[in-house]
Amino acid sequence: MCVITMCCTYFLGIEGMAAAELELVVMCKIELSEVAAQRHHSAMSSRIILMALKMLQSSILFSKTKSFSPQRK
């Protein structure tokens, strides 16, 4: 687990990260995945991408809430 993920998990939890923080963590994981792929570590590369997708999935930014329906008059 990278340092950024550990710090965010400890202080805020992955679910409570702001959009900018979540974007930074996901972009870092994508870069780590590219480095792993360049070193011919395809299994590690795919695990890193899967972890990034799970982080996005568990974020409250993408959670389904009550849909707002405008009132008609």
Protein backbone atom coordinates (compact mmCIF):
# COMPACT_ATOMS: atom_id res chain seq x y z
CA MET A 1 0.00 0.00 0.00
CA CYS A 2 1.45 3.37 -0.93
CA VAL A 3 2.03 6.20 1.55
CA ILE A 4 -0.69 8.42 0.08
CA THR A 5 -3.30 5.69 0.43
CA MET A 6 -2.21 4.91 4.00
CA CYS A 7 -2.41 8.56 5.07
CA CYS A 8 -5.82 9.10 3.49
CA THR A 9 -7.14 5.87 4.98
CA TYR A 10 -5.86 6.77 8.45
CA PHE A 11 -7.14 10.33 8.61
CA LEU A 12 -10.26 10.40 6.43
CA GLY A 13 -10.98 6.96 5.18
CA ILE A 14 -11.11 6.30 1.50
CA GLU A 15 -14.83 7.01 1.41
CA GLY A 16 -14.40 10.51 2.85
CA MET A 17 -11.77 11.84 0.47
CA ALA A 18 -12.47 14.96 -1.51
CA ALA A 19 -12.61 14.74 -5.29
CA ALA A 20 -9.16 16.28 -5.76
CA GLU A 21 -7.56 13.90 -3.25
CA LEU A 22 -9.25 10.91 -4.82
CA GLU A 23 -8.08 12.02 -8.25
CA LEU A 24 -4.50 12.37 -7.00
CA VAL A 25 -4.50 8.90 -5.42
CA VAL A 26 -6.00 7.28 -8.52
CA MET A 27 -3.55 9.05 -10.83
CA CYS A 28 -0.64 7.90 -8.64
CA LYS A 29 -1.90 4.33 -8.80
CA ILE A 30 -2.19 4.55 -12.59
CA GLU A 31 1.43 5.75 -12.76
CA LEU A 32 2.53 2.89 -10.48
CA SER A 33 0.67 0.48 -12.72
CA GLU A 34 2.42 1.81 -15.81
CA VAL A 35 5.82 1.41 -14.14
CA ALA A 36 4.97 -2.16 -13.15
CA ALA A 37 3.87 -2.92 -16.70
CA GLN A 38 7.11 -1.49 -18.09
CA ARG A 39 9.02 -3.83 -15.78
CA HIS A 40 6.97 -6.77 -17.10
CA HIS A 41 5.05 -7.23 -13.84
CA SER A 42 1.62 -7.57 -15.42
CA ALA A 43 0.02 -9.23 -12.37
CA MET A 44 1.11 -6.38 -10.10
CA SER A 45 0.02 -3.83 -12.68
CA SER A 46 -3.48 -5.28 -12.89
CA ARG A 47 -3.78 -5.49 -9.08
CA ILE A 48 -2.89 -1.81 -8.76
CA ILE A 49 -5.52 -0.83 -11.34
CA LEU A 50 -8.10 -3.03 -9.64
CA MET A 51 -7.33 -1.36 -6.31
CA ALA A 52 -7.81 2.07 -7.90
CA LEU A 53 -11.16 1.02 -9.37
CA LYS A 54 -12.31 -0.32 -6.00
CA MET A 55 -11.34 2.99 -4.40
CA LEU A 56 -13.46 4.85 -6.92
CA GLN A 57 -16.32 2.44 -6.39
CA SER A 58 -16.28 2.84 -2.60
CA SER A 59 -16.10 6.65 -2.71
CA ILE A 60 -19.10 8.64 -1.54
CA LEU A 61 -18.70 10.83 -4.63
CA PHE A 62 -20.23 8.05 -6.71
CA SER A 63 -22.73 6.71 -4.21
CA LYS A 64 -26.36 6.62 -5.17
CA THR A 65 -28.39 9.06 -3.14
CA LYS A 66 -31.95 10.18 -3.39
CA SER A 67 -32.42 11.62 -6.81
CA PHE A 68 -33.49 15.21 -6.87
CA SER A 69 -36.69 15.71 -8.75
CA PRO A 70 -37.75 19.29 -9.35
CA GLN A 71 -41.26 20.13 -8.21
CA ARG A 72 -43.68 20.98 -10.95
CA LYS A 73 -46.17 23.73 -10.40
